[in-house]
């Protein structure tokens, strides 16, 4: 595992659980609003954290922490992700996986091991490549969505919104894409030096509430984070 960051305790990253958070290095997307560019762009990569340090820490936190969240970057790029998840599960911890859904075969295998999956849905299919900043086989995104919805594992879909990025019509398309999902989150983008330089701004509360109302028609529950 290429590990670029580690947070020893979080009360918000895994719903209802006290967790540690591991950040993998590397991503196949180049989203303009990315909040962790140091994990994405090779020139910015931090020194790797040895995997054995994470395992040692988690062993010492049995009975204190409930779970480990694996995020990134894009964790499904890691060749030994599934082996690592098994190690953590064998220590008695729950595991939550965050993913962009571009590797459905890994998502499918991980669904049999993890306790919670969160997938970012970047936008409607016709805007996906532009928002993600990468060319991709869009069938992989739709494949991951269906795998997650039918996996029997707790899950959420989530969409980052920024002013001018997505329209109400786009929200209707996203709703159709994840139709029948039990939970979807809208999250306003968080500014960083990179996003500020790009001139990206947050959505207003009114915009987000309008988006939420549209998505609520398609899913069990749409929340704002």
Protein backbone atom coordinates (compact mmCIF):
# COMPACT_ATOMS: atom_id res chain seq x y z
CA UNK A 1 0.00 0.00 0.00
CA UNK A 2 1.24 3.47 -0.88
CA UNK A 3 0.14 5.52 2.12
CA UNK A 4 0.43 9.29 1.98
CA UNK A 5 -1.38 10.30 5.15
CA UNK A 6 -2.92 9.00 8.35
CA UNK A 7 -5.38 10.53 10.80
CA UNK A 8 -5.39 8.75 14.14
CA UNK A 9 -8.96 9.53 15.16
CA UNK A 10 -12.11 10.82 13.47
CA UNK A 11 -15.70 11.07 14.63
CA UNK A 12 -17.14 12.00 11.24
CA UNK A 13 -15.55 9.89 8.49
CA UNK A 14 -17.40 6.67 9.33
CA UNK A 15 -21.06 7.23 10.26
CA UNK A 16 -21.67 6.24 13.87
CA UNK A 17 -18.17 4.90 14.46
CA UNK A 18 -14.90 6.17 15.91
CA UNK A 19 -12.31 5.58 13.22
CA UNK A 20 -8.79 6.17 12.04
CA UNK A 21 -8.39 7.42 8.45
CA UNK A 22 -5.77 6.21 5.99
CA UNK A 23 -5.04 8.23 2.82
CA UNK A 24 -3.61 6.31 -0.12
CA UNK A 25 -1.30 7.97 -2.63
CA UNK A 26 -2.21 8.20 -6.30
CA UNK A 27 -5.37 8.91 -8.28
CA UNK A 28 -6.47 8.40 -11.86
CA UNK A 29 -8.77 11.46 -11.77
CA UNK A 30 -7.80 15.14 -11.87
CA UNK A 31 -10.85 16.90 -10.45
CA UNK A 32 -10.51 20.67 -10.46
CA UNK A 33 -11.97 20.96 -6.94
CA UNK A 34 -9.73 18.24 -5.45
CA UNK A 35 -8.94 18.96 -1.80
CA UNK A 36 -5.95 16.59 -1.56
CA UNK A 37 -3.77 17.39 -4.61
CA UNK A 38 -0.68 16.22 -2.73
CA UNK A 39 -2.08 12.69 -2.97
CA UNK A 40 -2.90 13.02 -6.66
CA UNK A 41 0.02 14.70 -8.43
CA UNK A 42 3.30 12.72 -8.30
CA UNK A 43 5.45 15.83 -7.84
CA UNK A 44 3.53 16.64 -4.66
CA UNK A 45 3.47 13.17 -3.11
CA UNK A 46 4.51 13.15 0.56
CA UNK A 47 7.02 10.60 1.89
CA UNK A 48 5.24 7.25 2.17
CA UNK A 49 4.17 5.97 5.56
CA UNK A 50 5.23 2.34 6.08
CA UNK A 51 2.26 -0.02 6.15
CA UNK A 52 3.66 -1.78 9.22
CA UNK A 53 3.33 1.46 11.19
CA UNK A 54 -0.38 1.59 10.44
CA UNK A 55 -0.88 -2.06 11.38
CA UNK A 56 1.06 -1.56 14.62
CA UNK A 57 -1.01 1.51 15.52
CA UNK A 58 -4.30 -0.24 14.83
CA UNK A 59 -3.31 -3.22 16.98
CA UNK A 60 -2.73 -0.87 19.90
CA UNK A 61 -6.14 0.78 19.39
CA UNK A 62 -8.26 -2.35 19.62
CA UNK A 63 -11.11 -1.58 22.00
CA UNK A 64 -10.61 2.17 21.48
CA UNK A 65 -11.26 2.61 17.78
CA UNK A 66 -14.13 0.92 15.95
CA UNK A 67 -13.02 1.20 12.35
CA UNK A 68 -10.55 2.24 9.70
CA UNK A 69 -11.53 4.42 6.75
CA UNK A 70 -9.47 3.91 3.59
CA UNK A 71 -9.62 6.95 1.33
CA UNK A 72 -7.29 8.83 -0.99
CA UNK A 73 -6.33 9.54 -3.64
CA UNK A 74 -8.04 6.51 -5.08
CA UNK A 75 -7.62 3.38 -2.94
CA UNK A 76 -8.69 0.92 -5.63
CA UNK A 77 -5.45 1.68 -7.50
CA UNK A 78 -3.53 -0.14 -4.76
CA UNK A 79 -2.64 -3.67 -5.85
CA UNK A 80 -2.63 -5.03 -2.29
CA UNK A 81 -5.76 -3.20 -1.11
CA UNK A 82 -7.80 -6.35 -0.53
CA UNK A 83 -5.01 -8.05 1.41
CA UNK A 84 -4.65 -4.97 3.59
CA UNK A 85 -8.40 -4.83 4.25
CA UNK A 86 -8.33 -8.47 5.35
CA UNK A 87 -5.51 -7.70 7.79
CA UNK A 88 -7.50 -4.87 9.35
CA UNK A 89 -10.68 -6.93 9.53
CA UNK A 90 -8.76 -9.79 11.19
CA UNK A 91 -7.86 -7.36 13.99
CA UNK A 92 -11.56 -6.85 14.68
CA UNK A 93 -12.07 -3.46 13.03
CA UNK A 94 -14.78 -2.41 10.63
CA UNK A 95 -13.57 -0.98 7.32
CA UNK A 96 -15.05 1.80 5.20
CA UNK A 97 -13.81 2.27 1.64
CA UNK A 98 -14.03 5.54 -0.29
CA UNK A 99 -13.80 5.25 -4.07
CA UNK A 100 -14.42 7.06 -7.34
CA UNK A 101 -15.86 3.87 -8.78
CA UNK A 102 -13.58 3.64 -11.81
CA UNK A 103 -12.46 0.08 -11.03
CA UNK A 104 -15.70 -1.90 -10.60
CA UNK A 105 -13.89 -5.23 -10.42
CA UNK A 106 -12.04 -4.05 -7.32
CA UNK A 107 -15.21 -2.53 -5.87
CA UNK A 108 -16.98 -5.86 -6.34
CA UNK A 109 -14.24 -7.79 -4.55
CA UNK A 110 -13.97 -5.21 -1.78
CA UNK A 111 -17.74 -5.31 -1.22
CA UNK A 112 -17.31 -8.80 0.17
CA UNK A 113 -14.81 -7.58 2.75
CA UNK A 114 -15.75 -4.08 3.89
CA UNK A 115 -18.60 -2.82 6.06
CA UNK A 116 -19.31 0.47 4.30
CA UNK A 117 -18.63 1.90 0.84
CA UNK A 118 -18.80 5.57 -0.15
CA UNK A 119 -18.65 6.35 -3.86
CA UNK A 120 -18.22 9.78 -5.37
CA UNK A 121 -20.60 10.43 -8.25
CA UNK A 122 -18.94 13.31 -10.05
CA UNK A 123 -21.82 14.39 -12.25
CA UNK A 124 -24.06 13.28 -15.11
CA UNK A 125 -22.49 10.88 -17.57
CA UNK A 126 -22.17 13.49 -20.33
CA UNK A 127 -20.06 15.72 -18.06
CA UNK A 128 -18.13 13.01 -16.24
CA UNK A 129 -14.84 13.18 -18.13
CA UNK A 130 -14.75 16.98 -17.90
CA UNK A 131 -15.42 17.05 -14.16
CA UNK A 132 -13.07 14.15 -13.42
CA UNK A 133 -10.37 15.62 -15.63
CA UNK A 134 -9.71 12.22 -17.19
CA UNK A 135 -10.87 10.02 -20.02
CA UNK A 136 -12.63 6.91 -18.78
CA UNK A 137 -14.98 4.13 -19.77
CA UNK A 138 -18.23 5.45 -18.36
CA UNK A 139 -19.58 1.91 -18.13
CA UNK A 140 -17.19 1.36 -15.25
CA UNK A 141 -18.91 4.12 -13.29
CA UNK A 142 -22.39 2.74 -13.91
CA UNK A 143 -21.10 -0.74 -13.15
CA UNK A 144 -19.75 0.31 -9.76
CA UNK A 145 -23.01 2.06 -8.92
CA UNK A 146 -25.00 -1.10 -9.56
CA UNK A 147 -22.52 -3.29 -7.68
CA UNK A 148 -22.73 -1.05 -4.63
CA UNK A 149 -26.51 -0.74 -4.69
CA UNK A 150 -26.96 -4.52 -4.79
CA UNK A 151 -24.03 -5.52 -2.56
CA UNK A 152 -25.90 -5.73 0.74
CA UNK A 153 -23.19 -3.54 2.29
CA UNK A 154 -24.01 -0.20 3.90
CA UNK A 155 -23.22 2.55 1.42
CA UNK A 156 -23.62 6.12 0.36
CA UNK A 157 -23.19 8.02 -2.86
CA UNK A 158 -21.99 11.61 -2.72
CA UNK A 159 -21.57 14.50 -5.09
CA UNK A 160 -19.38 17.55 -4.58
CA UNK A 161 -21.00 20.76 -5.78
CA UNK A 162 -19.45 24.12 -6.58
CA UNK A 163 -20.96 27.26 -8.05
CA UNK A 164 -21.35 26.94 -11.82
CA UNK A 165 -20.20 23.31 -11.90
CA UNK A 166 -23.54 21.49 -11.95
CA UNK A 167 -27.04 22.63 -12.90
CA UNK A 168 -30.51 21.54 -11.76
CA UNK A 169 -30.76 19.55 -15.00
CA UNK A 170 -27.53 17.78 -14.10
CA UNK A 171 -29.01 16.87 -10.73
CA UNK A 172 -31.97 15.24 -12.45
CA UNK A 173 -29.53 13.16 -14.50
CA UNK A 174 -27.53 12.19 -11.40
CA UNK A 175 -30.77 11.21 -9.71
CA UNK A 176 -31.59 8.94 -12.64
CA UNK A 177 -28.10 7.46 -12.52
CA UNK A 178 -28.38 6.41 -8.86
CA UNK A 179 -32.16 5.94 -8.84
CA UNK A 180 -33.31 3.79 -5.94
CA UNK A 181 -30.17 4.33 -3.88
CA UNK A 182 -30.88 4.53 -0.19
CA UNK A 183 -28.57 7.45 0.66
CA UNK A 184 -26.95 10.32 -1.21
CA UNK A 185 -24.95 13.23 0.16
CA UNK A 186 -24.39 16.64 -1.39
CA UNK A 187 -21.20 18.25 -0.16
CA UNK A 188 -20.08 21.79 -0.84
CA UNK A 189 -16.52 21.92 -2.02
CA UNK A 190 -13.80 22.94 0.44
CA UNK A 191 -11.43 25.63 -0.74
CA UNK A 192 -7.69 25.07 -1.00
CA UNK A 193 -4.94 27.15 -2.61
CA UNK A 194 -5.39 25.18 -5.83
CA UNK A 195 -9.16 25.61 -6.04
CA UNK A 196 -8.96 29.26 -5.02
CA UNK A 197 -6.51 29.88 -7.84
CA UNK A 198 -8.95 28.25 -10.25
CA UNK A 199 -11.68 30.68 -9.20
CA UNK A 200 -14.02 28.02 -7.87
CA UNK A 201 -16.59 29.14 -5.31
CA UNK A 202 -18.99 27.41 -2.96
CA UNK A 203 -22.63 26.98 -3.79
CA UNK A 204 -25.08 29.06 -1.78
CA UNK A 205 -27.29 27.36 0.78
CA UNK A 206 -30.25 28.06 -1.49
CA UNK A 207 -28.58 26.34 -4.46
CA UNK A 208 -27.75 23.27 -2.44
CA UNK A 209 -31.25 23.01 -1.03
CA UNK A 210 -32.66 23.19 -4.55
CA UNK A 211 -30.31 20.43 -5.64
CA UNK A 212 -31.25 18.35 -2.60
CA UNK A 213 -34.93 18.66 -3.42
CA UNK A 214 -34.33 17.37 -6.94
CA UNK A 215 -32.27 14.39 -5.81
CA UNK A 216 -34.67 13.53 -3.02
CA UNK A 217 -37.19 12.46 -5.67
CA UNK A 218 -34.83 9.71 -6.84
CA UNK A 219 -33.29 8.27 -3.67
CA UNK A 220 -34.38 7.10 -0.25
CA UNK A 221 -32.73 10.08 1.42
CA UNK A 222 -30.59 12.98 0.24
CA UNK A 223 -28.64 14.85 2.89
CA UNK A 224 -26.32 17.85 2.86
CA UNK A 225 -22.91 17.39 4.42
